[in-house]
Amino acid sequence: MGDECCSGNFPKCQKCGKADLVPLSDFSNNSVAIRYKAWACTNKDCRFFIVLRGGDVYYGTASAEAAR
C-alpha cells in the first residue's frame, strides 16, 4: 500500500481555491516524528493552515507575526 500523500496529488486549498495544501511534519517532545501534523496552503497570500495539537484540530489564517 503506497503513501498517497507523497504522490504529488495534494488537496486544493478550500479557502483560496488557487493553491494546494501541503503536509508538514514535526517532532514531539520525545523526538518522535509526527507525520502530517499540519497542512498549509502554498499560496503566500492565503496562508490558510490546519494543525493537530494535543488531539485538537486548529485551523485558520496565519497572523503576520507567525508568517516568515
C-alpha atoms as a PDB file:
ATOM      1  CA  MET A   1       0.000   0.000   0.000  1.00  0.00           C
ATOM      2  CA  GLY A   2       1.626   3.260  -1.154  1.00  0.00           C
ATOM      3  CA  ASP A   3       1.788   6.607   0.551  1.00  0.00           C
ATOM      4  CA  GLU A   4      -0.831   8.602  -1.360  1.00  0.00           C
ATOM      5  CA  CYS A   5       0.251  11.925   0.115  1.00  0.00           C
ATOM      6  CA  CYS A   6       3.711  11.806  -1.391  1.00  0.00           C
ATOM      7  CA  SER A   7       2.490  11.181  -4.932  1.00  0.00           C
ATOM      8  CA  GLY A   8       2.287  14.920  -5.652  1.00  0.00           C
ATOM      9  CA  ASN A   9      -1.513  14.983  -5.696  1.00  0.00           C
ATOM     10  CA  PHE A  10      -2.231  17.351  -2.840  1.00  0.00           C
ATOM     11  CA  PRO A  11      -5.713  18.610  -1.983  1.00  0.00           C
ATOM     12  CA  LYS A  12      -6.715  22.086  -3.163  1.00  0.00           C
ATOM     13  CA  CYS A  13      -6.986  24.795  -0.549  1.00  0.00           C
ATOM     14  CA  GLN A  14     -10.685  25.272   0.190  1.00  0.00           C
ATOM     15  CA  LYS A  15     -10.120  28.886   1.260  1.00  0.00           C
ATOM     16  CA  CYS A  16      -8.436  30.376  -1.824  1.00  0.00           C
ATOM     17  CA  GLY A  17      -9.025  27.577  -4.351  1.00  0.00           C
ATOM     18  CA  LYS A  18      -5.830  28.620  -6.165  1.00  0.00           C
ATOM     19  CA  ALA A  19      -3.142  26.555  -4.458  1.00  0.00           C
ATOM     20  CA  ASP A  20      -2.531  23.218  -2.768  1.00  0.00           C
ATOM     21  CA  LEU A  21      -2.493  22.215   0.885  1.00  0.00           C
ATOM     22  CA  VAL A  22       0.825  20.526   1.617  1.00  0.00           C
ATOM     23  CA  PRO A  23       1.623  18.376   4.664  1.00  0.00           C
ATOM     24  CA  LEU A  24       4.168  19.441   7.268  1.00  0.00           C
ATOM     25  CA  SER A  25       5.728  17.165   9.860  1.00  0.00           C
ATOM     26  CA  ASP A  26       7.190  17.861  13.295  1.00  0.00           C
ATOM     27  CA  PHE A  27       8.785  16.114  16.255  1.00  0.00           C
ATOM     28  CA  SER A  28       7.247  15.522  19.686  1.00  0.00           C
ATOM     29  CA  ASN A  29       8.929  16.401  22.974  1.00  0.00           C
ATOM     30  CA  ASN A  30      10.344  12.853  22.919  1.00  0.00           C
ATOM     31  CA  SER A  31      11.854  13.343  19.430  1.00  0.00           C
ATOM     32  CA  VAL A  32       9.251  11.067  17.842  1.00  0.00           C
ATOM     33  CA  ALA A  33       8.333  12.048  14.291  1.00  0.00           C
ATOM     34  CA  ILE A  34       4.736  13.229  13.859  1.00  0.00           C
ATOM     35  CA  ARG A  35       3.782  12.946  10.202  1.00  0.00           C
ATOM     36  CA  TYR A  36       1.269  15.388   8.797  1.00  0.00           C
ATOM     37  CA  LYS A  37       0.965  17.434  11.986  1.00  0.00           C
ATOM     38  CA  ALA A  38      -0.014  20.446   9.912  1.00  0.00           C
ATOM     39  CA  TRP A  39      -1.231  21.311   6.449  1.00  0.00           C
ATOM     40  CA  ALA A  40      -0.508  24.707   4.900  1.00  0.00           C
ATOM     41  CA  CYS A  41      -1.621  26.479   1.734  1.00  0.00           C
ATOM     42  CA  THR A  42       1.160  27.114  -0.770  1.00  0.00           C
ATOM     43  CA  ASN A  43      -0.350  30.479  -1.735  1.00  0.00           C
ATOM     44  CA  LYS A  44       1.639  33.006   0.306  1.00  0.00           C
ATOM     45  CA  ASP A  45      -1.245  35.497   0.165  1.00  0.00           C
ATOM     46  CA  CYS A  46      -3.742  32.959   1.542  1.00  0.00           C
ATOM     47  CA  ARG A  47      -1.731  31.494   4.470  1.00  0.00           C
ATOM     48  CA  PHE A  48      -4.520  29.055   5.447  1.00  0.00           C
ATOM     49  CA  PHE A  49      -3.435  26.213   7.738  1.00  0.00           C
ATOM     50  CA  ILE A  50      -4.724  23.182   9.658  1.00  0.00           C
ATOM     51  CA  VAL A  51      -2.790  21.977  12.735  1.00  0.00           C
ATOM     52  CA  LEU A  52      -3.179  18.994  15.071  1.00  0.00           C
ATOM     53  CA  ARG A  53      -2.152  19.968  18.590  1.00  0.00           C
ATOM     54  CA  GLY A  54      -2.779  17.881  21.689  1.00  0.00           C
ATOM     55  CA  GLY A  55      -5.544  15.897  19.991  1.00  0.00           C
ATOM     56  CA  ASP A  56      -7.383  19.062  18.892  1.00  0.00           C
ATOM     57  CA  VAL A  57      -7.678  20.439  15.367  1.00  0.00           C
ATOM     58  CA  TYR A  58      -6.966  24.130  14.800  1.00  0.00           C
ATOM     59  CA  TYR A  59      -7.423  25.952  11.525  1.00  0.00           C
ATOM     60  CA  GLY A  60      -7.434  29.476  10.192  1.00  0.00           C
ATOM     61  CA  THR A  61      -5.084  32.016   8.702  1.00  0.00           C
ATOM     62  CA  ALA A  62      -1.573  32.658   9.967  1.00  0.00           C
ATOM     63  CA  SER A  63      -1.031  36.060  11.545  1.00  0.00           C
ATOM     64  CA  ALA A  64       1.533  38.470  10.168  1.00  0.00           C
ATOM     65  CA  GLU A  65       3.757  37.730  13.185  1.00  0.00           C
ATOM     66  CA  ALA A  66       3.684  33.988  12.504  1.00  0.00           C
ATOM     67  CA  ALA A  67       4.425  34.298   8.776  1.00  0.00           C
ATOM     68  CA  ARG A  68       8.144  34.164   7.953  1.00  0.00           C
END
